[in-house]
């Protein structure tokens, strides 16, 4: 390779911060690009005199500036070290790809004999769900090696297995949607036919229930007021009798009696259909949130809500009082 080759751009790209590219111009370096079968192919790009050359796997690309530029553009986002390039071109496996992922990729590309009966079938058809299940189980077993990650090399291998699992998850989701789509369309049409009628009838029935509840609440209020007026009238008569005959002996105190059980509200019976049950309920109205808060301050639901609200403020750049902020890194 010519001494004209400047590794500055490639070195920065390896560190994750490549400088801006120059339009129409490749950069020296070593990369990898996708193969048609989904694997990786090592790529080298370098300058020789005034021209640019490239090597994709074992295939050299010479005297074609446009093709070299196209190869570089496709591979530029995936730089690799010279050591990795040398090892892979010599036949070594990619060091940042988990062995289970390599095996899984080969299984993906393997030809399945259509004459062989698939799991769960006696027709010779392949059960795609069973095949995918086997692949997921194999990848999941490999995850045991990454229960703890202590260096960048292990992190790269772990991420390759994670990417494979996410790929299998997307494949399962895609096939699930494809298989379910006709049934969903049929269900949608059935819902459109019947559920709109149900919702219409339910809405009107609910409005009637609201009116009935208001009437029952008003009726209970009137009954309470009538009892209170009767009690006040009884006390007034007793007081007037005492004043009219103060020498009369006070009547003996009545023996204590248990408070009468409140009568259960009678159901509402119409001339058609089932009766509606009526019950007394207590409704909380939060007049003073500050005074109420200490009674629920340690409730798990309140802690979860407050944590969520605190996180929103931290995300916005604030540090609210009573909140401790720790710096972590999360893998997306």
Protein backbone atom coordinates (compact mmCIF):
# COMPACT_ATOMS: atom_id res chain seq x y z
CA UNK A 1 0.00 0.00 0.00
CA UNK A 2 1.19 3.47 -0.79
CA UNK A 3 2.52 5.81 1.88
CA UNK A 4 -0.18 8.25 0.70
CA UNK A 5 -2.70 6.36 2.79
CA UNK A 6 -3.77 8.39 5.81
CA UNK A 7 -5.34 6.32 8.64
CA UNK A 8 -6.75 9.35 10.50
CA UNK A 9 -10.36 8.93 9.36
CA UNK A 10 -10.38 5.15 9.86
CA UNK A 11 -8.74 5.40 13.31
CA UNK A 12 -11.36 7.92 14.42
CA UNK A 13 -14.12 5.70 13.01
CA UNK A 14 -12.84 2.77 15.09
CA UNK A 15 -13.31 4.97 18.17
CA UNK A 16 -16.87 5.81 17.16
CA UNK A 17 -16.32 9.44 16.11
CA UNK A 18 -15.40 9.58 12.41
CA UNK A 19 -14.86 13.02 10.83
CA UNK A 20 -17.26 14.10 8.08
CA UNK A 21 -16.73 12.34 4.75
CA UNK A 22 -15.60 14.15 1.63
CA UNK A 23 -18.16 13.79 -1.15
CA UNK A 24 -16.96 11.47 -3.92
CA UNK A 25 -13.84 10.37 -2.04
CA UNK A 26 -13.21 7.08 -0.18
CA UNK A 27 -11.07 6.81 2.93
CA UNK A 28 -8.31 4.37 3.75
CA UNK A 29 -9.22 1.61 6.22
CA UNK A 30 -10.56 -1.84 6.96
CA UNK A 31 -14.25 -2.59 7.22
CA UNK A 32 -16.88 -5.28 6.82
CA UNK A 33 -20.01 -5.46 4.76
CA UNK A 34 -23.00 -7.76 4.53
CA UNK A 35 -22.80 -10.85 2.34
CA UNK A 36 -25.82 -11.93 0.29
CA UNK A 37 -26.38 -14.81 2.72
CA UNK A 38 -26.51 -12.44 5.71
CA UNK A 39 -22.97 -13.00 6.97
CA UNK A 40 -20.04 -10.57 7.00
CA UNK A 41 -17.33 -10.00 4.39
CA UNK A 42 -14.05 -8.20 5.25
CA UNK A 43 -13.28 -5.12 3.16
CA UNK A 44 -10.03 -3.20 2.64
CA UNK A 45 -9.86 0.20 0.91
CA UNK A 46 -6.58 1.94 0.11
CA UNK A 47 -4.97 4.40 -2.26
CA UNK A 48 -2.29 3.45 -4.74
CA UNK A 49 -0.82 6.50 -6.42
CA UNK A 50 -3.72 8.58 -7.72
CA UNK A 51 -6.17 5.67 -7.80
CA UNK A 52 -8.20 3.87 -5.17
CA UNK A 53 -8.34 0.10 -4.76
CA UNK A 54 -10.48 -2.21 -2.69
CA UNK A 55 -10.68 -5.86 -1.71
CA UNK A 56 -13.97 -7.48 -0.76
CA UNK A 57 -13.27 -10.84 0.81
CA UNK A 58 -10.84 -12.46 -1.59
CA UNK A 59 -11.98 -10.41 -4.61
CA UNK A 60 -9.86 -7.39 -5.59
CA UNK A 61 -11.48 -4.34 -7.17
CA UNK A 62 -9.16 -2.37 -9.47
CA UNK A 63 -9.48 0.33 -12.10
CA UNK A 64 -13.07 1.12 -11.15
CA UNK A 65 -13.23 4.27 -9.03
CA UNK A 66 -17.04 4.32 -8.92
CA UNK A 67 -17.25 0.74 -7.66
CA UNK A 68 -14.57 1.33 -5.02
CA UNK A 69 -16.46 4.41 -3.81
CA UNK A 70 -19.72 2.41 -3.66
CA UNK A 71 -18.01 -0.36 -1.66
CA UNK A 72 -16.56 2.19 0.76
CA UNK A 73 -19.90 3.98 1.27
CA UNK A 74 -21.65 0.70 2.09
CA UNK A 75 -18.93 -0.47 4.47
CA UNK A 76 -17.82 2.82 6.08
CA UNK A 77 -20.17 2.53 9.06
CA UNK A 78 -18.58 -0.77 10.09
CA UNK A 79 -14.84 -0.25 10.58
CA UNK A 80 -12.72 -3.11 11.96
CA UNK A 81 -9.14 -3.26 13.20
CA UNK A 82 -6.31 -4.42 10.96
CA UNK A 83 -5.74 -7.36 13.30
CA UNK A 84 -9.34 -8.52 12.91
CA UNK A 85 -9.16 -8.04 9.14
CA UNK A 86 -5.99 -10.12 8.92
CA UNK A 87 -7.38 -12.90 11.12
CA UNK A 88 -10.73 -13.14 9.32
CA UNK A 89 -9.21 -13.15 5.84
CA UNK A 90 -7.00 -16.00 7.05
CA UNK A 91 -10.07 -18.04 7.92
CA UNK A 92 -10.66 -17.20 11.59
CA UNK A 93 -14.23 -16.54 12.78
CA UNK A 94 -15.34 -13.01 13.55
CA UNK A 95 -14.22 -12.43 17.15
CA UNK A 96 -17.28 -10.37 18.10
CA UNK A 97 -19.90 -12.89 16.97
CA UNK A 98 -21.10 -15.44 19.50
CA UNK A 99 -20.64 -19.09 18.40
CA UNK A 100 -24.36 -19.73 18.88
CA UNK A 101 -25.13 -16.85 16.51
CA UNK A 102 -22.79 -18.30 13.88
CA UNK A 103 -24.44 -21.69 14.24
CA UNK A 104 -27.88 -20.12 14.13
CA UNK A 105 -27.07 -18.22 10.96
CA UNK A 106 -25.91 -21.42 9.30
CA UNK A 107 -29.15 -23.12 10.37
CA UNK A 108 -31.07 -20.25 8.80
CA UNK A 109 -29.29 -20.75 5.50
CA UNK A 110 -29.47 -24.54 5.56
CA UNK A 111 -31.71 -26.24 3.04
CA UNK A 112 -34.57 -28.05 4.73
CA UNK A 113 -35.56 -31.28 3.04
CA UNK A 114 -39.23 -30.81 2.09
CA UNK A 115 -39.70 -34.58 2.16
CA UNK A 116 -38.81 -34.74 5.85
CA UNK A 117 -41.81 -34.43 8.16
CA UNK A 118 -41.77 -31.29 10.27
CA UNK A 119 -42.31 -31.30 14.03
CA UNK A 120 -45.95 -31.70 14.92
CA UNK A 121 -46.99 -32.63 11.39
CA UNK A 122 -47.38 -35.80 9.37
CA UNK A 123 -47.74 -34.03 6.02
CA UNK A 124 -44.08 -33.24 5.40
CA UNK A 125 -44.62 -29.49 5.92
CA UNK A 126 -42.11 -27.66 8.07
CA UNK A 127 -43.51 -26.23 11.33
CA UNK A 128 -41.96 -22.76 11.26
CA UNK A 129 -42.90 -22.11 14.88
CA UNK A 130 -41.10 -25.27 16.03
CA UNK A 131 -37.98 -24.35 14.02
CA UNK A 132 -37.99 -20.84 15.47
CA UNK A 133 -38.54 -22.24 18.96
CA UNK A 134 -35.44 -24.42 18.60
CA UNK A 135 -33.38 -21.43 17.45
CA UNK A 136 -34.57 -19.26 20.34
CA UNK A 137 -33.88 -22.01 22.88
CA UNK A 138 -30.36 -22.49 21.49
CA UNK A 139 -29.65 -18.76 21.63
CA UNK A 140 -31.11 -18.54 25.13
CA UNK A 141 -28.78 -21.28 26.35
CA UNK A 142 -25.84 -19.28 25.01
CA UNK A 143 -26.93 -16.27 27.08
CA UNK A 144 -25.71 -18.03 30.23
CA UNK A 145 -22.16 -17.08 29.23
CA UNK A 146 -23.07 -13.39 29.54
CA UNK A 147 -24.80 -13.32 32.91
CA UNK A 148 -21.96 -10.99 33.86
CA UNK A 149 -19.93 -8.84 31.43
CA UNK A 150 -16.50 -7.63 32.56
CA UNK A 151 -14.71 -6.48 29.39
CA UNK A 152 -15.37 -4.99 25.95
CA UNK A 153 -14.60 -8.22 24.09
CA UNK A 154 -17.25 -10.09 26.07
CA UNK A 155 -19.63 -7.15 25.62
CA UNK A 156 -19.27 -7.39 21.83
CA UNK A 157 -20.02 -11.13 21.90
CA UNK A 158 -22.95 -10.60 24.23
CA UNK A 159 -24.38 -7.90 21.97
CA UNK A 160 -24.11 -10.20 18.94
CA UNK A 161 -26.20 -12.82 20.76
CA UNK A 162 -28.66 -10.17 21.94
CA UNK A 163 -29.02 -8.92 18.36
CA UNK A 164 -29.69 -12.48 17.24
CA UNK A 165 -32.40 -12.93 19.88
CA UNK A 166 -34.00 -9.62 18.88
CA UNK A 167 -33.87 -10.74 15.25
CA UNK A 168 -35.63 -13.99 16.15
CA UNK A 169 -38.19 -12.03 18.18
CA UNK A 170 -38.93 -9.79 15.18
CA UNK A 171 -39.26 -12.84 12.96
CA UNK A 172 -41.76 -14.40 15.38
CA UNK A 173 -43.71 -11.14 15.53
CA UNK A 174 -43.76 -10.80 11.75
CA UNK A 175 -44.98 -14.35 11.19
CA UNK A 176 -47.53 -13.98 13.97
CA UNK A 177 -48.95 -10.86 12.32
CA UNK A 178 -49.02 -12.50 8.90
CA UNK A 179 -50.83 -15.58 10.17
CA UNK A 180 -53.25 -13.59 12.30
CA UNK A 181 -54.07 -10.86 9.77
CA UNK A 182 -56.94 -12.68 7.96
CA UNK A 183 -58.57 -13.55 11.27
CA UNK A 184 -58.19 -9.98 12.54
CA UNK A 185 -59.90 -8.66 9.44
CA UNK A 186 -62.77 -11.09 9.94
CA UNK A 187 -63.03 -10.10 13.62
CA UNK A 188 -62.94 -6.43 12.67
CA UNK A 189 -65.91 -6.86 10.36
CA UNK A 190 -67.83 -8.79 13.03
CA UNK A 191 -67.06 -6.07 15.59
CA UNK A 192 -68.23 -3.36 13.21
CA UNK A 193 -71.49 -5.21 12.70
CA UNK A 194 -72.38 -5.88 16.33
CA UNK A 195 -70.31 -3.89 18.83
CA UNK A 196 -71.50 -0.50 17.60
CA UNK A 197 -75.07 -1.63 18.41
CA UNK A 198 -73.99 -2.85 21.85
CA UNK A 199 -72.16 0.40 22.63
CA UNK A 200 -75.18 2.45 21.55
CA UNK A 201 -77.59 0.51 23.78
CA UNK A 202 -75.10 0.49 26.69
CA UNK A 203 -74.61 4.26 26.50
CA UNK A 204 -78.33 4.97 26.78
CA UNK A 205 -78.76 2.37 29.55
CA UNK A 206 -75.86 3.98 31.44
CA UNK A 207 -77.48 7.41 31.21
CA UNK A 208 -80.66 5.91 32.71
CA UNK A 209 -78.61 4.27 35.49
CA UNK A 210 -77.06 7.66 36.27
CA UNK A 211 -80.50 9.24 36.57
CA UNK A 212 -81.70 6.36 38.79
CA UNK A 213 -78.64 6.72 41.03
CA UNK A 214 -79.28 10.44 41.42
CA UNK A 215 -82.90 9.75 42.36
CA UNK A 216 -81.93 7.07 44.91
CA UNK A 217 -79.38 9.47 46.43
CA UNK A 218 -82.00 12.22 46.63
CA UNK A 219 -84.53 9.81 48.10
CA UNK A 220 -82.05 8.74 50.80
CA UNK A 221 -81.36 12.42 51.60
CA UNK A 222 -85.06 13.13 52.03
CA UNK A 223 -85.47 10.08 54.28
CA UNK A 224 -82.58 11.23 56.49
CA UNK A 225 -84.05 14.72 56.76
CA UNK A 226 -87.47 13.29 57.65
CA UNK A 227 -85.92 11.18 60.43
CA UNK A 228 -84.00 14.20 61.73
CA UNK A 229 -87.17 16.33 61.77
CA UNK A 230 -89.07 13.60 63.63
CA UNK A 231 -86.31 13.36 66.22
CA UNK A 232 -86.24 17.13 66.66
CA UNK A 233 -90.04 17.17 67.09
CA UNK A 234 -89.87 14.42 69.73
CA UNK A 235 -87.26 16.37 71.70
CA UNK A 236 -89.33 19.58 71.43
CA UNK A 237 -92.44 17.85 72.84
CA UNK A 238 -90.46 16.35 75.71
CA UNK A 239 -88.90 19.72 76.53
CA UNK A 240 -92.28 21.49 76.56
CA UNK A 241 -93.73 18.78 78.81
CA UNK A 242 -90.85 19.19 81.25
CA UNK A 243 -91.27 22.94 81.35
CA UNK A 244 -95.06 22.62 81.92
CA UNK A 245 -94.62 20.29 84.92
CA UNK A 246 -91.15 20.81 86.39
CA UNK A 247 -92.08 18.95 89.60
CA UNK A 248 -92.81 15.75 87.78
CA UNK A 249 -90.25 13.06 88.32
CA UNK A 250 -87.91 12.56 85.46
CA UNK A 251 -88.74 9.41 83.59
CA UNK A 252 -86.28 6.58 84.08
CA UNK A 253 -83.55 6.35 81.48
CA UNK A 254 -84.40 3.82 78.85
CA UNK A 255 -82.23 0.72 78.76
CA UNK A 256 -79.49 0.77 76.10
CA UNK A 257 -80.49 -0.79 72.87
CA UNK A 258 -78.41 -1.68 69.89
CA UNK A 259 -78.57 0.71 67.00
CA UNK A 260 -80.96 -0.61 64.40
CA UNK A 261 -79.43 -2.07 61.30
CA UNK A 262 -79.90 0.30 58.39
CA UNK A 263 -82.44 -0.94 55.96
CA UNK A 264 -81.07 -2.14 52.69
CA UNK A 265 -82.34 -0.07 49.78
CA UNK A 266 -85.07 -1.82 47.91
CA UNK A 267 -84.27 -2.88 44.34
CA UNK A 268 -85.87 -0.96 41.51
CA UNK A 269 -88.35 -3.18 39.73
CA UNK A 270 -89.74 -2.31 36.37
CA UNK A 271 -92.47 -4.04 34.50
CA UNK A 272 -89.94 -5.56 32.13
CA UNK A 273 -86.61 -7.36 32.57
CA UNK A 274 -84.50 -7.84 35.67
CA UNK A 275 -84.68 -5.48 38.67
CA UNK A 276 -81.74 -3.16 39.41
CA UNK A 277 -80.02 -3.60 42.76
CA UNK A 278 -79.38 -0.48 44.88
CA UNK A 279 -76.62 -0.15 47.46
CA UNK A 280 -75.14 2.59 49.58
CA UNK A 281 -71.56 3.54 48.75
CA UNK A 282 -69.15 6.08 50.19
CA UNK A 283 -67.45 8.42 47.74
CA UNK A 284 -64.16 10.12 48.69
CA UNK A 285 -63.72 13.77 47.75
CA UNK A 286 -60.15 15.03 48.17
CA UNK A 287 -60.61 18.50 49.68
CA UNK A 288 -57.11 18.83 51.18
CA UNK A 289 -54.46 16.76 49.36
CA UNK A 290 -51.66 17.99 51.65
CA UNK A 291 -53.47 16.87 54.80
CA UNK A 292 -54.33 13.49 53.24
CA UNK A 293 -50.87 12.72 51.82
CA UNK A 294 -49.18 11.44 55.04
CA UNK A 295 -51.70 8.59 55.23
CA UNK A 296 -50.53 7.19 51.87
CA UNK A 297 -46.98 8.51 51.60
CA UNK A 298 -45.39 5.05 51.93
CA UNK A 299 -47.87 3.19 49.72
CA UNK A 300 -46.07 1.35 46.85
CA UNK A 301 -48.38 2.88 44.25
CA UNK A 302 -47.64 6.39 45.53
CA UNK A 303 -43.89 5.69 45.59
CA UNK A 304 -44.06 4.42 42.00
CA UNK A 305 -45.99 7.51 40.86
CA UNK A 306 -43.66 9.92 42.67
CA UNK A 307 -40.63 8.14 41.21
CA UNK A 308 -42.10 8.53 37.73
CA UNK A 309 -42.75 12.24 38.29
CA UNK A 310 -39.25 12.71 39.72
CA UNK A 311 -37.73 10.99 36.70
CA UNK A 312 -39.56 13.39 34.41
CA UNK A 313 -37.99 16.34 36.19
CA UNK A 314 -34.54 14.72 36.13
CA UNK A 315 -34.94 14.04 32.40
CA UNK A 316 -35.71 17.74 31.99
CA UNK A 317 -32.44 18.64 33.71
CA UNK A 318 -33.69 19.44 37.22
CA UNK A 319 -32.72 17.90 40.55
CA UNK A 320 -35.84 18.12 42.75
CA UNK A 321 -35.46 18.27 46.55
CA UNK A 322 -35.53 14.86 48.16
CA UNK A 323 -34.31 13.14 44.98
CA UNK A 324 -30.88 11.52 44.60
CA UNK A 325 -29.60 11.36 41.02
CA UNK A 326 -27.17 8.61 39.99
CA UNK A 327 -25.39 8.36 36.64
CA UNK A 328 -25.93 5.05 34.81
CA UNK A 329 -25.50 3.79 31.29
CA UNK A 330 -28.40 1.97 29.67
CA UNK A 331 -28.08 -0.24 26.61
CA UNK A 332 -30.74 0.49 24.00
